[in-house]
Amino acid sequence: MNKFVLLVLAALALAACGVDGEPVRPSVGAGVGISSGGRIHTGGSIGLHRSPVSLHLGV
């Protein structure tokens, strides 16, 4: 089990630094809005895009 975890971590590290190609760059977004009642709303998101897969998380 430990060897498997180390292998997965090594593969992720290589992919993140760009050894196997162009590194994956995250995208970040933020927003602020005001409703008609005067309430302020905030939000944010972070995403990763590498063809053909995209992953976005937002609040």
PDB file of N, CA and C in Angstrom:
ATOM      1  N   MET A   1       0.823  -1.196   0.000  1.00  0.00           N
ATOM      2  CA  MET A   1       0.000   0.000   0.000  1.00  0.00           C
ATOM      3  C   MET A   1       0.867   1.261   0.000  1.00  0.00           C
ATOM      4  N   ASN A   2       1.937   1.263   0.784  1.00  0.00           N
ATOM      5  CA  ASN A   2       2.808   2.441   0.856  1.00  0.00           C
ATOM      6  C   ASN A   2       3.489   2.722  -0.473  1.00  0.00           C
ATOM      7  N   LYS A   3       3.870   1.664  -1.194  1.00  0.00           N
ATOM      8  CA  LYS A   3       4.514   1.853  -2.491  1.00  0.00           C
ATOM      9  C   LYS A   3       3.547   2.470  -3.487  1.00  0.00           C
ATOM     10  N   PHE A   4       2.289   2.057  -3.420  1.00  0.00           N
ATOM     11  CA  PHE A   4       1.273   2.603  -4.312  1.00  0.00           C
ATOM     12  C   PHE A   4       1.071   4.096  -4.047  1.00  0.00           C
ATOM     13  N   VAL A   5       0.983   4.473  -2.795  1.00  0.00           N
ATOM     14  CA  VAL A   5       0.801   5.879  -2.433  1.00  0.00           C
ATOM     15  C   VAL A   5       1.994   6.700  -2.899  1.00  0.00           C
ATOM     16  N   LEU A   6       3.205   6.200  -2.709  1.00  0.00           N
ATOM     17  CA  LEU A   6       4.395   6.918  -3.157  1.00  0.00           C
ATOM     18  C   LEU A   6       4.431   7.042  -4.675  1.00  0.00           C
ATOM     19  N   LEU A   7       4.011   6.013  -5.388  1.00  0.00           N
ATOM     20  CA  LEU A   7       3.967   6.054  -6.843  1.00  0.00           C
ATOM     21  C   LEU A   7       2.970   7.101  -7.334  1.00  0.00           C
ATOM     22  N   VAL A   8       1.810   7.161  -6.716  1.00  0.00           N
ATOM     23  CA  VAL A   8       0.802   8.158  -7.096  1.00  0.00           C
ATOM     24  C   VAL A   8       1.301   9.565  -6.803  1.00  0.00           C
ATOM     25  N   LEU A   9       1.906   9.775  -5.646  1.00  0.00           N
ATOM     26  CA  LEU A   9       2.449  11.095  -5.308  1.00  0.00           C
ATOM     27  C   LEU A   9       3.558  11.506  -6.271  1.00  0.00           C
ATOM     28  N   ALA A  10       4.402  10.570  -6.660  1.00  0.00           N
ATOM     29  CA  ALA A  10       5.475  10.885  -7.607  1.00  0.00           C
ATOM     30  C   ALA A  10       4.900  11.263  -8.965  1.00  0.00           C
ATOM     31  N   ALA A  11       3.874  10.541  -9.410  1.00  0.00           N
ATOM     32  CA  ALA A  11       3.242  10.858 -10.696  1.00  0.00           C
ATOM     33  C   ALA A  11       2.586  12.230 -10.659  1.00  0.00           C
ATOM     34  N   LEU A  12       1.941  12.563  -9.564  1.00  0.00           N
ATOM     35  CA  LEU A  12       1.320  13.886  -9.433  1.00  0.00           C
ATOM     36  C   LEU A  12       2.371  14.997  -9.409  1.00  0.00           C
ATOM     37  N   ALA A  13       3.472  14.755  -8.740  1.00  0.00           N
ATOM     38  CA  ALA A  13       4.533  15.756  -8.688  1.00  0.00           C
ATOM     39  C   ALA A  13       5.126  15.992 -10.074  1.00  0.00           C
ATOM     40  N   LEU A  14       5.329  14.929 -10.843  1.00  0.00           N
ATOM     41  CA  LEU A  14       5.868  15.084 -12.197  1.00  0.00           C
ATOM     42  C   LEU A  14       4.883  15.825 -13.096  1.00  0.00           C
ATOM     43  N   ALA A  15       3.617  15.528 -12.976  1.00  0.00           N
ATOM     44  CA  ALA A  15       2.616  16.211 -13.799  1.00  0.00           C
ATOM     45  C   ALA A  15       2.510  17.681 -13.424  1.00  0.00           C
ATOM     46  N   ALA A  16       2.632  17.983 -12.141  1.00  0.00           N
ATOM     47  CA  ALA A  16       2.500  19.364 -11.686  1.00  0.00           C
ATOM     48  C   ALA A  16       3.677  20.230 -12.110  1.00  0.00           C
ATOM     49  N   CYS A  17       4.872  19.658 -12.209  1.00  0.00           N
ATOM     50  CA  CYS A  17       6.036  20.473 -12.552  1.00  0.00           C
ATOM     51  C   CYS A  17       6.261  20.555 -14.060  1.00  0.00           C
ATOM     52  N   GLY A  18       5.540  19.753 -14.833  1.00  0.00           N
ATOM     53  CA  GLY A  18       5.629  19.890 -16.275  1.00  0.00           C
ATOM     54  C   GLY A  18       6.633  18.985 -16.955  1.00  0.00           C
ATOM     55  N   VAL A  19       7.144  17.963 -16.284  1.00  0.00           N
ATOM     56  CA  VAL A  19       8.113  17.060 -16.894  1.00  0.00           C
ATOM     57  C   VAL A  19       7.493  16.322 -18.079  1.00  0.00           C
ATOM     58  N   ASP A  20       6.216  15.975 -17.978  1.00  0.00           N
ATOM     59  CA  ASP A  20       5.549  15.222 -19.041  1.00  0.00           C
ATOM     60  C   ASP A  20       4.899  16.122 -20.078  1.00  0.00           C
ATOM     61  N   GLY A  21       5.141  17.404 -20.023  1.00  0.00           N
ATOM     62  CA  GLY A  21       4.531  18.357 -20.947  1.00  0.00           C
ATOM     63  C   GLY A  21       4.331  19.691 -20.243  1.00  0.00           C
ATOM     64  N   GLU A  22       3.487  20.502 -20.806  1.00  0.00           N
ATOM     65  CA  GLU A  22       3.218  21.811 -20.212  1.00  0.00           C
ATOM     66  C   GLU A  22       2.522  21.645 -18.865  1.00  0.00           C
ATOM     67  N   PRO A  23       2.958  22.387 -17.836  1.00  0.00           N
ATOM     68  CA  PRO A  23       2.323  22.257 -16.519  1.00  0.00           C
ATOM     69  C   PRO A  23       0.887  22.781 -16.545  1.00  0.00           C
ATOM     70  N   VAL A  24       0.087  22.261 -15.643  1.00  0.00           N
ATOM     71  CA  VAL A  24      -1.306  22.684 -15.514  1.00  0.00           C
ATOM     72  C   VAL A  24      -1.333  23.964 -14.697  1.00  0.00           C
ATOM     73  N   ARG A  25      -1.951  25.006 -15.245  1.00  0.00           N
ATOM     74  CA  ARG A  25      -2.051  26.276 -14.527  1.00  0.00           C
ATOM     75  C   ARG A  25      -3.474  26.457 -14.019  1.00  0.00           C
ATOM     76  N   PRO A  26      -3.612  26.813 -12.756  1.00  0.00           N
ATOM     77  CA  PRO A  26      -4.961  27.015 -12.218  1.00  0.00           C
ATOM     78  C   PRO A  26      -5.535  28.354 -12.661  1.00  0.00           C
ATOM     79  N   SER A  27      -6.854  28.427 -12.685  1.00  0.00           N
ATOM     80  CA  SER A  27      -7.530  29.696 -12.922  1.00  0.00           C
ATOM     81  C   SER A  27      -8.299  30.051 -11.653  1.00  0.00           C
ATOM     82  N   VAL A  28      -8.330  31.327 -11.331  1.00  0.00           N
ATOM     83  CA  VAL A  28      -8.973  31.796 -10.107  1.00  0.00           C
ATOM     84  C   VAL A  28      -9.936  32.909 -10.465  1.00  0.00           C
ATOM     85  N   GLY A  29     -11.097  32.899  -9.831  1.00  0.00           N
ATOM     86  CA  GLY A  29     -12.077  33.951 -10.062  1.00  0.00           C
ATOM     87  C   GLY A  29     -12.704  34.385  -8.752  1.00  0.00           C
ATOM     88  N   ALA A  30     -13.114  35.645  -8.698  1.00  0.00           N
ATOM     89  CA  ALA A  30     -13.779  36.184  -7.513  1.00  0.00           C
ATOM     90  C   ALA A  30     -14.826  37.184  -7.965  1.00  0.00           C
ATOM     91  N   GLY A  31     -15.858  37.312  -7.159  1.00  0.00           N
ATOM     92  CA  GLY A  31     -16.909  38.247  -7.506  1.00  0.00           C
ATOM     93  C   GLY A  31     -17.604  38.801  -6.282  1.00  0.00           C
ATOM     94  N   VAL A  32     -18.137  40.011  -6.440  1.00  0.00           N
ATOM     95  CA  VAL A  32     -18.902  40.675  -5.390  1.00  0.00           C
ATOM     96  C   VAL A  32     -20.153  41.242  -6.042  1.00  0.00           C
ATOM     97  N   GLY A  33     -21.294  41.057  -5.404  1.00  0.00           N
ATOM     98  CA  GLY A  33     -22.541  41.588  -5.942  1.00  0.00           C
ATOM     99  C   GLY A  33     -23.404  42.181  -4.849  1.00  0.00           C
ATOM    100  N   ILE A  34     -24.272  43.093  -5.256  1.00  0.00           N
ATOM    101  CA  ILE A  34     -25.215  43.726  -4.331  1.00  0.00           C
ATOM    102  C   ILE A  34     -26.616  43.481  -4.865  1.00  0.00           C
ATOM    103  N   SER A  35     -27.476  42.904  -4.024  1.00  0.00           N
ATOM    104  CA  SER A  35     -28.843  42.627  -4.440  1.00  0.00           C
ATOM    105  C   SER A  35     -29.692  43.893  -4.318  1.00  0.00           C
ATOM    106  N   SER A  36     -30.926  43.811  -4.839  1.00  0.00           N
ATOM    107  CA  SER A  36     -31.813  44.972  -4.784  1.00  0.00           C
ATOM    108  C   SER A  36     -32.181  45.331  -3.347  1.00  0.00           C
ATOM    109  N   GLY A  37     -32.077  44.377  -2.427  1.00  0.00           N
ATOM    110  CA  GLY A  37     -32.363  44.645  -1.021  1.00  0.00           C
ATOM    111  C   GLY A  37     -31.167  45.199  -0.266  1.00  0.00           C
ATOM    112  N   GLY A  38     -30.046  45.401  -0.936  1.00  0.00           N
ATOM    113  CA  GLY A  38     -28.860  45.959  -0.300  1.00  0.00           C
ATOM    114  C   GLY A  38     -27.925  44.934   0.314  1.00  0.00           C
ATOM    115  N   ARG A  39     -28.215  43.655   0.132  1.00  0.00           N
ATOM    116  CA  ARG A  39     -27.331  42.617   0.671  1.00  0.00           C
ATOM    117  C   ARG A  39     -26.131  42.420  -0.238  1.00  0.00           C
ATOM    118  N   ILE A  40     -24.989  42.209   0.367  1.00  0.00           N
ATOM    119  CA  ILE A  40     -23.746  42.001  -0.384  1.00  0.00           C
ATOM    120  C   ILE A  40     -23.469  40.501  -0.462  1.00  0.00           C
ATOM    121  N   HIS A  41     -23.154  40.025  -1.665  1.00  0.00           N
ATOM    122  CA  HIS A  41     -22.847  38.621  -1.907  1.00  0.00           C
ATOM    123  C   HIS A  41     -21.434  38.516  -2.460  1.00  0.00           C
ATOM    124  N   THR A  42     -20.687  37.568  -1.934  1.00  0.00           N
ATOM    125  CA  THR A  42     -19.335  37.327  -2.439  1.00  0.00           C
ATOM    126  C   THR A  42     -19.231  35.882  -2.908  1.00  0.00           C
ATOM    127  N   GLY A  43     -18.302  35.629  -3.786  1.00  0.00           N
ATOM    128  CA  GLY A  43     -18.088  34.277  -4.281  1.00  0.00           C
ATOM    129  C   GLY A  43     -16.703  34.136  -4.870  1.00  0.00           C
ATOM    130  N   GLY A  44     -16.301  32.915  -5.031  1.00  0.00           N
ATOM    131  CA  GLY A  44     -14.991  32.651  -5.616  1.00  0.00           C
ATOM    132  C   GLY A  44     -14.954  31.278  -6.237  1.00  0.00           C
ATOM    133  N   SER A  45     -13.976  31.074  -7.098  1.00  0.00           N
ATOM    134  CA  SER A  45     -13.823  29.771  -7.744  1.00  0.00           C
ATOM    135  C   SER A  45     -12.365  29.536  -8.090  1.00  0.00           C
ATOM    136  N   ILE A  46     -12.035  28.276  -8.210  1.00  0.00           N
ATOM    137  CA  ILE A  46     -10.709  27.876  -8.656  1.00  0.00           C
ATOM    138  C   ILE A  46     -10.912  26.723  -9.640  1.00  0.00           C
ATOM    139  N   GLY A  47     -10.097  26.695 -10.675  1.00  0.00           N
ATOM    140  CA  GLY A  47     -10.269  25.660 -11.688  1.00  0.00           C
ATOM    141  C   GLY A  47      -8.959  25.219 -12.297  1.00  0.00           C
ATOM    142  N   LEU A  48      -8.990  24.026 -12.859  1.00  0.00           N
ATOM    143  CA  LEU A  48      -7.864  23.461 -13.594  1.00  0.00           C
ATOM    144  C   LEU A  48      -8.376  23.022 -14.949  1.00  0.00           C
ATOM    145  N   HIS A  49      -7.623  23.278 -15.997  1.00  0.00           N
ATOM    146  CA  HIS A  49      -8.038  22.880 -17.334  1.00  0.00           C
ATOM    147  C   HIS A  49      -6.870  22.237 -18.054  1.00  0.00           C
ATOM    148  N   ARG A  50      -7.087  21.026 -18.478  1.00  0.00           N
ATOM    149  CA  ARG A  50      -6.113  20.309 -19.291  1.00  0.00           C
ATOM    150  C   ARG A  50      -6.926  19.461 -20.256  1.00  0.00           C
ATOM    151  N   SER A  51      -6.826  19.744 -21.530  1.00  0.00           N
ATOM    152  CA  SER A  51      -7.676  19.072 -22.527  1.00  0.00           C
ATOM    153  C   SER A  51      -7.616  17.573 -22.357  1.00  0.00           C
ATOM    154  N   PRO A  52      -8.699  16.906 -22.412  1.00  0.00           N
ATOM    155  CA  PRO A  52     -10.104  17.303 -22.533  1.00  0.00           C
ATOM    156  C   PRO A  52     -10.815  17.399 -21.185  1.00  0.00           C
ATOM    157  N   VAL A  53     -10.091  17.573 -20.075  1.00  0.00           N
ATOM    158  CA  VAL A  53     -10.695  17.548 -18.742  1.00  0.00           C
ATOM    159  C   VAL A  53     -10.603  18.919 -18.101  1.00  0.00           C
ATOM    160  N   SER A  54     -11.712  19.337 -17.478  1.00  0.00           N
ATOM    161  CA  SER A  54     -11.737  20.582 -16.705  1.00  0.00           C
ATOM    162  C   SER A  54     -12.328  20.282 -15.340  1.00  0.00           C
ATOM    163  N   LEU A  55     -11.784  20.935 -14.315  1.00  0.00           N
ATOM    164  CA  LEU A  55     -12.275  20.779 -12.956  1.00  0.00           C
ATOM    165  C   LEU A  55     -12.414  22.174 -12.367  1.00  0.00           C
ATOM    166  N   HIS A  56     -13.608  22.519 -11.912  1.00  0.00           N
ATOM    167  CA  HIS A  56     -13.860  23.832 -11.308  1.00  0.00           C
ATOM    168  C   HIS A  56     -14.593  23.649  -9.996  1.00  0.00           C
ATOM    169  N   LEU A  57     -14.153  24.353  -8.971  1.00  0.00           N
ATOM    170  CA  LEU A  57     -14.793  24.361  -7.676  1.00  0.00           C
ATOM    171  C   LEU A  57     -15.130  25.809  -7.348  1.00  0.00           C
ATOM    172  N   GLY A  58     -16.347  26.037  -6.892  1.00  0.00           N
ATOM    173  CA  GLY A  58     -16.763  27.396  -6.573  1.00  0.00           C
ATOM    174  C   GLY A  58     -17.567  27.466  -5.297  1.00  0.00           C
ATOM    175  N   VAL A  59     -17.559  28.654  -4.719  1.00  0.00           N
ATOM    176  CA  VAL A  59     -18.331  28.922  -3.501  1.00  0.00           C
ATOM    177  C   VAL A  59     -19.161  30.148  -3.734  1.00  0.00           C
TER     178      VAL A  59
END
